Amino acid sequence: MPEVIINGPAGRLEGRYQHAKQPGGRIALFLHPHPQHGGTMNNRVVYTLFHAYARRGFSCLRFNFRGVGRSQGAYDKGEGELADAAAALDWLQTWNPNTTQCWVAGFSFGAWIGMQLLMRRPEIDGFVSVAPPANMFDFGFLAPCPSSGLIVHGSKDDLVPEASVQKLVTKLSTQRDIKIDYRLIAEANHFFHNRSDELAATVDDYLDLALGERLTTAAQ
């Protein structure tokens, strides 16, 4: 998987990019957990999301926020990381000028950044948010939420109470023309330890429905 270097607002951003083998112009951007708590683009959940889209013919980009890995800069409490995500999306669109679909997917802190990006970039058609930290960060900016998407949470999440995510889902679900598919994975903790297969199956099922297509066994 080719390593790429992106010109970000605080210097270079380190990424991994997989270009779609078949034409179609579909792109997806992936955002990792909190930089100050060990989050990187190589996180298992991010990797699971990345490959769910790659198998469906999307051109996929995951990258390290500023100050993580070989990315330059320092943690900026979300504001700088949102700018990093916007720069990464710009790069992805430059390499895929005939885009027909654009998705963003994030895990934990990355889910919070992804939802903010959603509000600022109207070209984003859909999202996947895994374990959004609704008890730690303000999601009030989603008024209204501009796109439908999937929110996944673990029933045994020890960092983000399920009730806080349910409250967010309820708020978003009342908005006109927006459908939030909320999936709760039994016994999964915040990091989905020993529940990666269930997470992958949940995302696969949602994408089959959202994209109106189903992978064949050979494609998988």
N, C-alpha and C. Protein backbone atom coordinates (compact mmCIF):
# COMPACT_ATOMS: atom_id res chain seq x y z
N MET A 1 0.86 -1.20 0.00
CA MET A 1 0.00 0.00 0.00
C MET A 1 0.89 1.24 0.00
N PRO A 2 0.80 2.07 -1.03
CA PRO A 2 1.73 3.19 -1.18
C PRO A 2 1.65 4.19 -0.03
N GLU A 3 2.83 4.58 0.45
CA GLU A 3 2.90 5.69 1.40
C GLU A 3 2.84 6.99 0.63
N VAL A 4 2.11 7.97 1.16
CA VAL A 4 2.02 9.27 0.51
C VAL A 4 2.34 10.36 1.53
N ILE A 5 2.82 11.47 1.04
CA ILE A 5 3.08 12.64 1.86
C ILE A 5 2.20 13.78 1.35
N ILE A 6 1.41 14.34 2.25
CA ILE A 6 0.46 15.39 1.91
C ILE A 6 0.93 16.70 2.53
N ASN A 7 0.82 17.77 1.78
CA ASN A 7 1.14 19.09 2.32
C ASN A 7 0.00 19.56 3.20
N GLY A 8 0.22 19.52 4.52
CA GLY A 8 -0.81 19.94 5.45
C GLY A 8 -0.57 21.34 5.96
N PRO A 9 -1.50 21.90 6.70
CA PRO A 9 -1.37 23.27 7.20
C PRO A 9 -0.26 23.46 8.20
N ALA A 10 0.21 22.38 8.84
CA ALA A 10 1.31 22.48 9.81
C ALA A 10 2.55 21.75 9.34
N GLY A 11 2.61 21.44 8.05
CA GLY A 11 3.73 20.68 7.51
C GLY A 11 3.22 19.40 6.85
N ARG A 12 4.13 18.47 6.63
CA ARG A 12 3.74 17.26 5.92
C ARG A 12 2.85 16.36 6.79
N LEU A 13 1.97 15.63 6.10
CA LEU A 13 1.12 14.63 6.73
C LEU A 13 1.44 13.29 6.10
N GLU A 14 1.68 12.30 6.93
CA GLU A 14 1.99 10.96 6.46
C GLU A 14 0.70 10.18 6.24
N GLY A 15 0.59 9.53 5.09
CA GLY A 15 -0.62 8.77 4.80
C GLY A 15 -0.36 7.47 4.08
N ARG A 16 -1.41 6.67 3.96
CA ARG A 16 -1.41 5.46 3.15
C ARG A 16 -2.61 5.54 2.21
N TYR A 17 -2.35 5.29 0.94
CA TYR A 17 -3.37 5.49 -0.08
C TYR A 17 -3.51 4.26 -0.95
N GLN A 18 -4.73 3.87 -1.21
CA GLN A 18 -5.01 2.78 -2.14
C GLN A 18 -5.94 3.29 -3.22
N HIS A 19 -5.43 3.29 -4.44
CA HIS A 19 -6.22 3.79 -5.58
C HIS A 19 -7.08 2.67 -6.13
N ALA A 20 -8.31 2.99 -6.45
CA ALA A 20 -9.24 1.99 -6.97
C ALA A 20 -8.74 1.42 -8.29
N LYS A 21 -8.87 0.11 -8.45
CA LYS A 21 -8.44 -0.55 -9.68
C LYS A 21 -9.42 -0.32 -10.81
N GLN A 22 -10.69 -0.18 -10.47
CA GLN A 22 -11.70 0.01 -11.48
C GLN A 22 -12.19 1.46 -11.46
N PRO A 23 -12.66 1.96 -12.60
CA PRO A 23 -13.17 3.33 -12.63
C PRO A 23 -14.46 3.45 -11.83
N GLY A 24 -14.80 4.65 -11.46
CA GLY A 24 -16.03 4.87 -10.71
C GLY A 24 -15.99 6.15 -9.90
N GLY A 25 -14.77 6.59 -9.57
CA GLY A 25 -14.64 7.89 -8.93
C GLY A 25 -15.16 7.97 -7.52
N ARG A 26 -15.16 6.87 -6.77
CA ARG A 26 -15.64 6.91 -5.39
C ARG A 26 -14.44 7.00 -4.45
N ILE A 27 -14.54 7.91 -3.47
CA ILE A 27 -13.43 8.13 -2.56
C ILE A 27 -13.89 8.07 -1.11
N ALA A 28 -12.96 7.72 -0.22
CA ALA A 28 -13.28 7.67 1.20
C ALA A 28 -12.05 8.08 2.01
N LEU A 29 -12.28 8.84 3.06
CA LEU A 29 -11.23 9.34 3.95
C LEU A 29 -11.45 8.77 5.34
N PHE A 30 -10.35 8.37 6.02
CA PHE A 30 -10.44 7.70 7.31
C PHE A 30 -9.63 8.43 8.37
N LEU A 31 -10.25 8.62 9.55
CA LEU A 31 -9.70 9.47 10.60
C LEU A 31 -9.50 8.67 11.88
N HIS A 32 -8.31 8.77 12.45
CA HIS A 32 -7.93 7.90 13.57
C HIS A 32 -8.27 8.49 14.94
N PRO A 33 -8.14 7.66 16.00
CA PRO A 33 -8.46 8.11 17.37
C PRO A 33 -7.51 9.17 17.89
N HIS A 34 -7.71 9.55 19.13
CA HIS A 34 -7.03 10.70 19.74
C HIS A 34 -5.51 10.60 19.67
N PRO A 35 -4.86 11.62 19.10
CA PRO A 35 -3.40 11.60 18.96
C PRO A 35 -2.65 11.50 20.28
N GLN A 36 -3.23 12.00 21.35
CA GLN A 36 -2.53 11.98 22.64
C GLN A 36 -2.79 10.71 23.44
N HIS A 37 -3.53 9.79 22.87
CA HIS A 37 -3.82 8.54 23.56
C HIS A 37 -3.51 7.34 22.68
N GLY A 38 -2.46 7.50 21.87
CA GLY A 38 -1.99 6.39 21.06
C GLY A 38 -2.69 6.19 19.73
N GLY A 39 -3.54 7.11 19.34
CA GLY A 39 -4.25 6.96 18.08
C GLY A 39 -3.36 7.20 16.87
N THR A 40 -3.41 6.30 15.90
CA THR A 40 -2.67 6.45 14.64
C THR A 40 -3.52 5.90 13.51
N MET A 41 -3.05 6.14 12.28
CA MET A 41 -3.77 5.62 11.11
C MET A 41 -3.71 4.11 11.02
N ASN A 42 -2.82 3.47 11.82
CA ASN A 42 -2.70 2.01 11.81
C ASN A 42 -3.58 1.34 12.86
N ASN A 43 -4.43 2.10 13.50
CA ASN A 43 -5.37 1.55 14.47
C ASN A 43 -6.22 0.46 13.81
N ARG A 44 -6.51 -0.60 14.55
CA ARG A 44 -7.22 -1.75 13.98
C ARG A 44 -8.61 -1.37 13.46
N VAL A 45 -9.32 -0.52 14.19
CA VAL A 45 -10.66 -0.12 13.74
C VAL A 45 -10.56 0.69 12.44
N VAL A 46 -9.62 1.61 12.38
CA VAL A 46 -9.42 2.40 11.16
C VAL A 46 -9.08 1.49 9.99
N TYR A 47 -8.22 0.51 10.25
CA TYR A 47 -7.82 -0.46 9.22
C TYR A 47 -9.04 -1.24 8.72
N THR A 48 -9.91 -1.63 9.64
CA THR A 48 -11.13 -2.36 9.28
C THR A 48 -12.03 -1.50 8.38
N LEU A 49 -12.20 -0.24 8.74
CA LEU A 49 -13.01 0.67 7.93
C LEU A 49 -12.40 0.86 6.55
N PHE A 50 -11.09 1.08 6.52
CA PHE A 50 -10.36 1.31 5.27
C PHE A 50 -10.63 0.19 4.28
N HIS A 51 -10.49 -1.04 4.74
CA HIS A 51 -10.62 -2.17 3.82
C HIS A 51 -12.06 -2.47 3.44
N ALA A 52 -13.01 -2.09 4.28
CA ALA A 52 -14.41 -2.25 3.90
C ALA A 52 -14.72 -1.43 2.65
N TYR A 53 -14.19 -0.23 2.59
CA TYR A 53 -14.41 0.62 1.42
C TYR A 53 -13.52 0.21 0.24
N ALA A 54 -12.28 -0.15 0.52
CA ALA A 54 -11.37 -0.53 -0.56
C ALA A 54 -11.91 -1.74 -1.33
N ARG A 55 -12.51 -2.69 -0.61
CA ARG A 55 -13.08 -3.87 -1.27
C ARG A 55 -14.24 -3.50 -2.19
N ARG A 56 -14.82 -2.36 -1.97
CA ARG A 56 -15.96 -1.91 -2.78
C ARG A 56 -15.56 -0.94 -3.88
N GLY A 57 -14.28 -0.87 -4.15
CA GLY A 57 -13.82 -0.07 -5.28
C GLY A 57 -13.64 1.40 -5.02
N PHE A 58 -13.54 1.79 -3.75
CA PHE A 58 -13.26 3.18 -3.41
C PHE A 58 -11.75 3.42 -3.44
N SER A 59 -11.36 4.62 -3.82
CA SER A 59 -9.99 5.07 -3.58
C SER A 59 -9.95 5.56 -2.14
N CYS A 60 -9.04 5.00 -1.34
CA CYS A 60 -9.07 5.19 0.12
C CYS A 60 -7.79 5.82 0.65
N LEU A 61 -7.96 6.75 1.57
CA LEU A 61 -6.83 7.43 2.19
C LEU A 61 -6.99 7.45 3.71
N ARG A 62 -5.99 6.96 4.42
CA ARG A 62 -5.89 7.15 5.87
C ARG A 62 -4.58 7.87 6.12
N PHE A 63 -4.55 8.67 7.15
CA PHE A 63 -3.34 9.48 7.39
C PHE A 63 -3.20 9.74 8.89
N ASN A 64 -2.00 10.16 9.27
CA ASN A 64 -1.74 10.55 10.65
C ASN A 64 -1.97 12.04 10.83
N PHE A 65 -2.74 12.40 11.86
CA PHE A 65 -2.89 13.80 12.20
C PHE A 65 -1.53 14.40 12.58
N ARG A 66 -1.46 15.70 12.60
CA ARG A 66 -0.24 16.41 12.97
C ARG A 66 0.34 15.89 14.28
N GLY A 67 1.66 15.72 14.29
CA GLY A 67 2.34 15.28 15.50
C GLY A 67 2.31 13.78 15.74
N VAL A 68 1.71 13.02 14.82
CA VAL A 68 1.62 11.57 14.97
C VAL A 68 2.48 10.90 13.90
N GLY A 69 3.28 9.92 14.30
CA GLY A 69 4.15 9.25 13.34
C GLY A 69 5.10 10.22 12.67
N ARG A 70 5.09 10.22 11.37
CA ARG A 70 5.97 11.12 10.61
C ARG A 70 5.29 12.42 10.19
N SER A 71 4.07 12.63 10.67
CA SER A 71 3.38 13.89 10.37
C SER A 71 3.94 15.01 11.24
N GLN A 72 4.17 16.15 10.63
CA GLN A 72 4.74 17.29 11.35
C GLN A 72 3.67 18.05 12.12
N GLY A 73 4.15 18.91 13.04
CA GLY A 73 3.25 19.73 13.83
C GLY A 73 3.01 19.14 15.21
N ALA A 74 2.06 19.70 15.92
CA ALA A 74 1.74 19.26 17.27
C ALA A 74 0.23 19.27 17.46
N TYR A 75 -0.22 18.46 18.39
CA TYR A 75 -1.66 18.36 18.69
C TYR A 75 -2.28 19.74 18.90
N ASP A 76 -3.47 19.95 18.32
CA ASP A 76 -4.08 21.28 18.35
C ASP A 76 -5.54 21.25 18.81
N LYS A 77 -5.86 20.31 19.70
CA LYS A 77 -7.17 20.26 20.37
C LYS A 77 -8.35 20.15 19.41
N GLY A 78 -8.10 19.63 18.24
CA GLY A 78 -9.18 19.40 17.29
C GLY A 78 -9.25 20.41 16.15
N GLU A 79 -8.92 21.66 16.43
CA GLU A 79 -9.00 22.68 15.37
C GLU A 79 -8.00 22.41 14.26
N GLY A 80 -6.75 22.16 14.64
CA GLY A 80 -5.73 21.86 13.64
C GLY A 80 -5.98 20.52 12.96
N GLU A 81 -6.48 19.56 13.72
CA GLU A 81 -6.75 18.24 13.16
C GLU A 81 -7.87 18.31 12.12
N LEU A 82 -8.84 19.18 12.34
CA LEU A 82 -9.89 19.38 11.33
C LEU A 82 -9.28 19.97 10.06
N ALA A 83 -8.35 20.90 10.22
CA ALA A 83 -7.66 21.47 9.05
C ALA A 83 -6.84 20.39 8.33
N ASP A 84 -6.23 19.48 9.10
CA ASP A 84 -5.50 18.37 8.49
C ASP A 84 -6.44 17.50 7.66
N ALA A 85 -7.60 17.20 8.22
CA ALA A 85 -8.56 16.37 7.51
C ALA A 85 -9.03 17.03 6.21
N ALA A 86 -9.23 18.34 6.27
CA ALA A 86 -9.64 19.06 5.06
C ALA A 86 -8.55 19.01 4.00
N ALA A 87 -7.28 19.15 4.43
CA ALA A 87 -6.16 19.08 3.49
C ALA A 87 -6.06 17.69 2.88
N ALA A 88 -6.29 16.66 3.69
CA ALA A 88 -6.24 15.29 3.20
C ALA A 88 -7.36 15.04 2.18
N LEU A 89 -8.54 15.58 2.45
CA LEU A 89 -9.64 15.43 1.50
C LEU A 89 -9.34 16.17 0.20
N ASP A 90 -8.72 17.33 0.30
CA ASP A 90 -8.31 18.07 -0.91
C ASP A 90 -7.37 17.21 -1.75
N TRP A 91 -6.39 16.60 -1.08
CA TRP A 91 -5.41 15.75 -1.78
C TRP A 91 -6.13 14.59 -2.46
N LEU A 92 -7.05 13.96 -1.77
CA LEU A 92 -7.79 12.82 -2.30
C LEU A 92 -8.61 13.22 -3.52
N GLN A 93 -9.19 14.39 -3.46
CA GLN A 93 -9.99 14.87 -4.60
C GLN A 93 -9.11 15.25 -5.78
N THR A 94 -7.92 15.75 -5.50
CA THR A 94 -6.99 16.09 -6.58
C THR A 94 -6.61 14.85 -7.39
N TRP A 95 -6.40 13.74 -6.69
CA TRP A 95 -6.03 12.50 -7.35
C TRP A 95 -7.23 11.77 -7.94
N ASN A 96 -8.41 12.23 -7.63
CA ASN A 96 -9.63 11.61 -8.14
C ASN A 96 -10.57 12.71 -8.61
N PRO A 97 -10.25 13.37 -9.72
CA PRO A 97 -11.00 14.57 -10.13
C PRO A 97 -12.44 14.29 -10.57
N ASN A 98 -12.75 13.06 -10.94
CA ASN A 98 -14.10 12.76 -11.43
C ASN A 98 -14.90 12.00 -10.37
N THR A 99 -14.84 12.49 -9.15
CA THR A 99 -15.49 11.82 -8.03
C THR A 99 -17.00 11.78 -8.19
N THR A 100 -17.58 10.59 -7.96
CA THR A 100 -19.03 10.44 -7.99
C THR A 100 -19.61 10.27 -6.59
N GLN A 101 -18.78 9.79 -5.65
CA GLN A 101 -19.22 9.66 -4.26
C GLN A 101 -18.05 9.97 -3.34
N CYS A 102 -18.36 10.61 -2.22
CA CYS A 102 -17.34 10.96 -1.23
C CYS A 102 -17.86 10.60 0.15
N TRP A 103 -17.08 9.80 0.89
CA TRP A 103 -17.45 9.36 2.23
C TRP A 103 -16.34 9.68 3.21
N VAL A 104 -16.72 9.83 4.47
CA VAL A 104 -15.74 10.01 5.54
C VAL A 104 -16.09 9.03 6.65
N ALA A 105 -15.06 8.40 7.23
CA ALA A 105 -15.27 7.45 8.32
C ALA A 105 -14.24 7.71 9.40
N GLY A 106 -14.69 7.72 10.66
CA GLY A 106 -13.77 8.00 11.75
C GLY A 106 -14.09 7.18 12.98
N PHE A 107 -13.08 6.99 13.80
CA PHE A 107 -13.21 6.22 15.03
C PHE A 107 -12.87 7.11 16.22
N SER A 108 -13.77 7.19 17.19
CA SER A 108 -13.58 7.93 18.44
C SER A 108 -13.29 9.41 18.14
N PHE A 109 -12.14 9.94 18.54
CA PHE A 109 -11.78 11.31 18.22
C PHE A 109 -11.92 11.57 16.72
N GLY A 110 -11.53 10.59 15.91
CA GLY A 110 -11.65 10.72 14.46
C GLY A 110 -13.10 10.85 14.00
N ALA A 111 -14.02 10.23 14.75
CA ALA A 111 -15.45 10.37 14.43
C ALA A 111 -15.90 11.81 14.66
N TRP A 112 -15.41 12.41 15.74
CA TRP A 112 -15.75 13.81 16.04
C TRP A 112 -15.22 14.74 14.95
N ILE A 113 -13.98 14.53 14.54
CA ILE A 113 -13.40 15.35 13.46
C ILE A 113 -14.17 15.10 12.16
N GLY A 114 -14.49 13.85 11.88
CA GLY A 114 -15.20 13.52 10.66
C GLY A 114 -16.55 14.19 10.56
N MET A 115 -17.27 14.25 11.68
CA MET A 115 -18.58 14.90 11.68
C MET A 115 -18.47 16.40 11.47
N GLN A 116 -17.39 16.99 11.98
CA GLN A 116 -17.16 18.41 11.73
C GLN A 116 -16.85 18.66 10.26
N LEU A 117 -16.04 17.76 9.68
CA LEU A 117 -15.70 17.89 8.26
C LEU A 117 -16.96 17.78 7.41
N LEU A 118 -17.85 16.90 7.83
CA LEU A 118 -19.12 16.71 7.15
C LEU A 118 -19.90 18.02 7.04
N MET A 119 -19.84 18.82 8.09
CA MET A 119 -20.57 20.09 8.11
C MET A 119 -19.95 21.13 7.19
N ARG A 120 -18.66 20.98 6.92
CA ARG A 120 -17.94 22.00 6.15
C ARG A 120 -17.75 21.65 4.69
N ARG A 121 -17.99 20.40 4.34
CA ARG A 121 -17.75 19.96 2.97
C ARG A 121 -19.02 19.31 2.41
N PRO A 122 -19.82 20.08 1.70
CA PRO A 122 -21.11 19.58 1.21
C PRO A 122 -20.99 18.44 0.21
N GLU A 123 -19.79 18.21 -0.33
CA GLU A 123 -19.64 17.12 -1.29
C GLU A 123 -19.61 15.74 -0.63
N ILE A 124 -19.53 15.70 0.71
CA ILE A 124 -19.52 14.41 1.40
C ILE A 124 -20.93 13.82 1.40
N ASP A 125 -21.04 12.61 0.86
CA ASP A 125 -22.35 11.98 0.66
C ASP A 125 -22.79 11.14 1.85
N GLY A 126 -21.85 10.60 2.61
CA GLY A 126 -22.22 9.72 3.71
C GLY A 126 -21.08 9.56 4.69
N PHE A 127 -21.39 8.96 5.85
CA PHE A 127 -20.36 8.83 6.89
C PHE A 127 -20.55 7.55 7.68
N VAL A 128 -19.47 7.12 8.30
CA VAL A 128 -19.49 6.07 9.31
C VAL A 128 -18.76 6.60 10.53
N SER A 129 -19.43 6.63 11.67
CA SER A 129 -18.83 7.08 12.93
C SER A 129 -18.83 5.92 13.91
N VAL A 130 -17.64 5.52 14.33
CA VAL A 130 -17.50 4.41 15.27
C VAL A 130 -17.14 4.97 16.64
N ALA A 131 -17.94 4.64 17.63
CA ALA A 131 -17.73 5.08 19.02
C ALA A 131 -17.50 6.59 19.12
N PRO A 132 -18.41 7.40 18.60
CA PRO A 132 -18.25 8.85 18.70
C PRO A 132 -18.26 9.28 20.17
N PRO A 133 -17.27 10.05 20.61
CA PRO A 133 -17.16 10.42 22.04
C PRO A 133 -18.11 11.54 22.43
N ALA A 134 -19.39 11.23 22.42
CA ALA A 134 -20.42 12.24 22.65
C ALA A 134 -20.42 12.79 24.07
N ASN A 135 -19.78 12.08 24.99
CA ASN A 135 -19.69 12.56 26.37
C ASN A 135 -18.46 13.45 26.61
N MET A 136 -17.53 13.47 25.66
CA MET A 136 -16.28 14.21 25.83
C MET A 136 -16.20 15.46 24.97
N PHE A 137 -16.84 15.43 23.82
CA PHE A 137 -16.77 16.54 22.87
C PHE A 137 -18.17 17.00 22.49
N ASP A 138 -18.27 18.25 22.13
CA ASP A 138 -19.56 18.84 21.76
C ASP A 138 -19.90 18.50 20.32
N PHE A 139 -21.03 17.84 20.11
CA PHE A 139 -21.52 17.54 18.77
C PHE A 139 -22.68 18.46 18.39
N GLY A 140 -22.83 19.56 19.11
CA GLY A 140 -23.93 20.47 18.86
C GLY A 140 -23.88 21.15 17.51
N PHE A 141 -22.72 21.10 16.85
CA PHE A 141 -22.59 21.72 15.53
C PHE A 141 -23.43 21.00 14.48
N LEU A 142 -23.88 19.79 14.78
CA LEU A 142 -24.69 19.02 13.82
C LEU A 142 -26.13 19.50 13.83
N ALA A 143 -26.33 20.71 13.35
CA ALA A 143 -27.66 21.31 13.38
C ALA A 143 -27.89 22.13 12.09
N PRO A 144 -28.42 21.51 11.05
CA PRO A 144 -28.74 20.09 10.99
C PRO A 144 -27.57 19.26 10.45
N CYS A 145 -27.66 17.95 10.63
CA CYS A 145 -26.69 17.03 10.04
C CYS A 145 -26.96 16.96 8.54
N PRO A 146 -25.95 17.18 7.69
CA PRO A 146 -26.21 17.29 6.26
C PRO A 146 -26.31 15.97 5.50
N SER A 147 -25.90 14.87 6.10
CA SER A 147 -25.89 13.59 5.39
C SER A 147 -26.34 12.45 6.29
N SER A 148 -26.86 11.41 5.68
CA SER A 148 -27.20 10.20 6.41
C SER A 148 -25.94 9.38 6.63
N GLY A 149 -25.99 8.45 7.61
CA GLY A 149 -24.82 7.64 7.86
C GLY A 149 -25.04 6.60 8.92
N LEU A 150 -23.95 5.93 9.28
CA LEU A 150 -23.95 4.85 10.25
C LEU A 150 -23.20 5.26 11.51
N ILE A 151 -23.79 5.00 12.66
CA ILE A 151 -23.10 5.16 13.94
C ILE A 151 -23.05 3.80 14.61
N VAL A 152 -21.84 3.38 14.98
CA VAL A 152 -21.63 2.08 15.62
C VAL A 152 -21.06 2.30 17.01
N HIS A 153 -21.57 1.54 17.97
CA HIS A 153 -21.07 1.68 19.34
C HIS A 153 -21.04 0.32 20.01
N GLY A 154 -20.20 0.18 21.02
CA GLY A 154 -20.11 -1.06 21.77
C GLY A 154 -20.96 -1.00 23.03
N SER A 155 -21.65 -2.09 23.33
CA SER A 155 -22.52 -2.10 24.50
C SER A 155 -21.75 -2.04 25.81
N LYS A 156 -20.47 -2.40 25.76
CA LYS A 156 -19.63 -2.39 26.96
C LYS A 156 -18.54 -1.33 26.87
N ASP A 157 -18.81 -0.26 26.13
CA ASP A 157 -17.83 0.83 26.00
C ASP A 157 -17.57 1.43 27.37
N ASP A 158 -16.31 1.36 27.81
CA ASP A 158 -15.94 1.83 29.14
C ASP A 158 -15.50 3.28 29.17
N LEU A 159 -15.44 3.92 28.02
CA LEU A 159 -15.03 5.32 27.94
C LEU A 159 -16.18 6.25 27.53
N VAL A 160 -17.05 5.76 26.69
CA VAL A 160 -18.18 6.56 26.20
C VAL A 160 -19.48 5.82 26.53
N PRO A 161 -20.24 6.30 27.51
CA PRO A 161 -21.50 5.62 27.87
C PRO A 161 -22.45 5.54 26.68
N GLU A 162 -23.08 4.41 26.53
CA GLU A 162 -24.00 4.22 25.42
C GLU A 162 -25.12 5.24 25.43
N ALA A 163 -25.53 5.67 26.62
CA ALA A 163 -26.63 6.64 26.72
C ALA A 163 -26.29 7.96 26.04
N SER A 164 -25.03 8.36 26.09
CA SER A 164 -24.65 9.63 25.46
C SER A 164 -24.69 9.53 23.94
N VAL A 165 -24.35 8.37 23.42
CA VAL A 165 -24.41 8.16 21.97
C VAL A 165 -25.86 8.03 21.53
N GLN A 166 -26.67 7.34 22.32
CA GLN A 166 -28.09 7.22 22.00
C GLN A 166 -28.76 8.59 21.94
N LYS A 167 -28.38 9.46 22.85
CA LYS A 167 -28.93 10.82 22.85
C LYS A 167 -28.57 11.56 21.56
N LEU A 168 -27.31 11.38 21.11
CA LEU A 168 -26.88 12.00 19.86
C LEU A 168 -27.66 11.43 18.69
N VAL A 169 -27.81 10.13 18.65
CA VAL A 169 -28.54 9.48 17.57
C VAL A 169 -29.99 9.96 17.53
N THR A 170 -30.62 10.06 18.70
CA THR A 170 -32.01 10.52 18.77
C THR A 170 -32.15 11.94 18.22
N LYS A 171 -31.21 12.78 18.58
CA LYS A 171 -31.22 14.17 18.08
C LYS A 171 -31.10 14.21 16.56
N LEU A 172 -30.15 13.46 16.02
CA LEU A 172 -29.92 13.49 14.58
C LEU A 172 -31.07 12.86 13.81
N SER A 173 -31.70 11.85 14.42
CA SER A 173 -32.75 11.12 13.73
C SER A 173 -34.04 11.92 13.57
N THR A 174 -34.17 13.00 14.33
CA THR A 174 -35.37 13.83 14.21
C THR A 174 -35.28 14.81 13.04
N GLN A 175 -34.14 14.88 12.41
CA GLN A 175 -33.95 15.85 11.34
C GLN A 175 -34.53 15.33 10.03
N ARG A 176 -35.10 16.22 9.28
CA ARG A 176 -35.79 15.87 8.04
C ARG A 176 -34.82 15.34 6.98
N ASP A 177 -35.24 14.26 6.33
CA ASP A 177 -34.51 13.67 5.22
C ASP A 177 -33.15 13.09 5.61
N ILE A 178 -32.92 12.88 6.90
CA ILE A 178 -31.68 12.29 7.37
C ILE A 178 -31.99 10.96 8.05
N LYS A 179 -31.29 9.92 7.64
CA LYS A 179 -31.47 8.60 8.25
C LYS A 179 -30.19 8.18 8.93
N ILE A 180 -30.25 8.00 10.23
CA ILE A 180 -29.11 7.52 11.00
C ILE A 180 -29.33 6.05 11.35
N ASP A 181 -28.46 5.21 10.84
CA ASP A 181 -28.52 3.78 11.15
C ASP A 181 -27.62 3.55 12.37
N TYR A 182 -28.22 3.21 13.49
CA TYR A 182 -27.48 3.03 14.74
C TYR A 182 -27.36 1.54 15.05
N ARG A 183 -26.13 1.06 15.15
CA ARG A 183 -25.89 -0.36 15.43
C ARG A 183 -25.10 -0.48 16.73
N LEU A 184 -25.58 -1.30 17.64
CA LEU A 184 -24.92 -1.55 18.91
C LEU A 184 -24.33 -2.96 18.86
N ILE A 185 -23.03 -3.07 19.09
CA ILE A 185 -22.36 -4.38 19.06
C ILE A 185 -22.24 -4.91 20.48
N ALA A 186 -22.87 -6.04 20.71
CA ALA A 186 -22.93 -6.63 22.04
C ALA A 186 -21.55 -6.97 22.58
N GLU A 187 -21.32 -6.61 23.83
CA GLU A 187 -20.10 -6.96 24.57
C GLU A 187 -18.84 -6.26 24.08
N ALA A 188 -18.97 -5.35 23.13
CA ALA A 188 -17.78 -4.67 22.61
C ALA A 188 -17.40 -3.50 23.50
N ASN A 189 -16.09 -3.35 23.78
CA ASN A 189 -15.62 -2.19 24.52
C ASN A 189 -15.30 -1.05 23.55
N HIS A 190 -14.70 0.01 24.05
CA HIS A 190 -14.46 1.18 23.20
C HIS A 190 -13.57 0.86 22.00
N PHE A 191 -12.64 -0.06 22.19
CA PHE A 191 -11.67 -0.37 21.13
C PHE A 191 -12.05 -1.63 20.35
N PHE A 192 -13.20 -2.20 20.65
CA PHE A 192 -13.71 -3.38 19.95
C PHE A 192 -12.74 -4.55 20.01
N HIS A 193 -12.07 -4.68 21.17
CA HIS A 193 -11.19 -5.82 21.37
C HIS A 193 -11.99 -7.12 21.24
N ASN A 194 -11.48 -8.04 20.46
CA ASN A 194 -12.13 -9.34 20.21
C ASN A 194 -13.49 -9.21 19.55
N ARG A 195 -13.77 -8.04 19.00
CA ARG A 195 -15.04 -7.84 18.31
C ARG A 195 -14.81 -7.22 16.92
N SER A 196 -13.61 -7.36 16.39
CA SER A 196 -13.29 -6.79 15.07
C SER A 196 -14.14 -7.41 13.97
N ASP A 197 -14.38 -8.71 14.06
CA ASP A 197 -15.17 -9.38 13.03
C ASP A 197 -16.60 -8.86 13.02
N GLU A 198 -17.16 -8.66 14.22
CA GLU A 198 -18.52 -8.14 14.31
C GLU A 198 -18.59 -6.71 13.77
N LEU A 199 -17.57 -5.92 14.06
CA LEU A 199 -17.53 -4.55 13.54
C LEU A 199 -17.46 -4.56 12.02
N ALA A 200 -16.59 -5.39 11.47
CA ALA A 200 -16.45 -5.47 10.02
C ALA A 200 -17.75 -5.91 9.37
N ALA A 201 -18.42 -6.89 9.97
CA ALA A 201 -19.69 -7.38 9.41
C ALA A 201 -20.77 -6.30 9.46
N THR A 202 -20.76 -5.51 10.53
CA THR A 202 -21.74 -4.43 10.68
C THR A 202 -21.54 -3.36 9.62
N VAL A 203 -20.29 -2.96 9.41
CA VAL A 203 -19.99 -1.95 8.40
C VAL A 203 -20.29 -2.48 7.00
N ASP A 204 -19.93 -3.74 6.75
CA ASP A 204 -20.22 -4.35 5.45
C ASP A 204 -21.72 -4.34 5.17
N ASP A 205 -22.49 -4.73 6.15
CA ASP A 205 -23.95 -4.79 5.97
C ASP A 205 -24.51 -3.42 5.67
N TYR A 206 -24.03 -2.41 6.39
CA TYR A 206 -24.53 -1.06 6.15
C TYR A 206 -24.16 -0.57 4.75
N LEU A 207 -22.91 -0.79 4.35
CA LEU A 207 -22.48 -0.32 3.04
C LEU A 207 -23.23 -1.05 1.92
N ASP A 208 -23.52 -2.33 2.11
CA ASP A 208 -24.33 -3.04 1.12
C ASP A 208 -25.67 -2.34 0.92
N LEU A 209 -26.28 -1.92 2.03
CA LEU A 209 -27.58 -1.25 1.96
C LEU A 209 -27.44 0.17 1.38
N ALA A 210 -26.47 0.90 1.87
CA ALA A 210 -26.32 2.31 1.48
C ALA A 210 -25.91 2.46 0.02
N LEU A 211 -25.08 1.54 -0.45
CA LEU A 211 -24.57 1.64 -1.82
C LEU A 211 -25.42 0.87 -2.81
N GLY A 212 -26.38 0.09 -2.28
CA GLY A 212 -27.27 -0.65 -3.15
C GLY A 212 -26.58 -1.76 -3.91
N GLU A 213 -25.55 -2.34 -3.30
CA GLU A 213 -24.82 -3.42 -3.96
C GLU A 213 -24.30 -4.36 -2.88
N ARG A 214 -23.99 -5.56 -3.28
CA ARG A 214 -23.48 -6.54 -2.33
C ARG A 214 -22.23 -7.20 -2.91
N LEU A 215 -21.19 -7.30 -2.10
CA LEU A 215 -19.98 -7.93 -2.56
C LEU A 215 -20.20 -9.41 -2.84
N THR A 216 -19.58 -9.91 -3.90
CA THR A 216 -19.56 -11.34 -4.11
C THR A 216 -18.46 -11.95 -3.27
N THR A 217 -18.50 -13.23 -3.07
CA THR A 217 -17.46 -13.90 -2.29
C THR A 217 -16.10 -13.68 -2.93
N ALA A 218 -16.04 -13.72 -4.25
CA ALA A 218 -14.77 -13.52 -4.94
C ALA A 218 -14.21 -12.14 -4.70
N ALA A 219 -15.09 -11.12 -4.67
CA ALA A 219 -14.63 -9.74 -4.47
C ALA A 219 -14.05 -9.55 -3.09
N GLN A 220 -14.58 -10.29 -2.12
CA GLN A 220 -14.07 -10.16 -0.77
C GLN A 220 -12.73 -10.83 -0.59
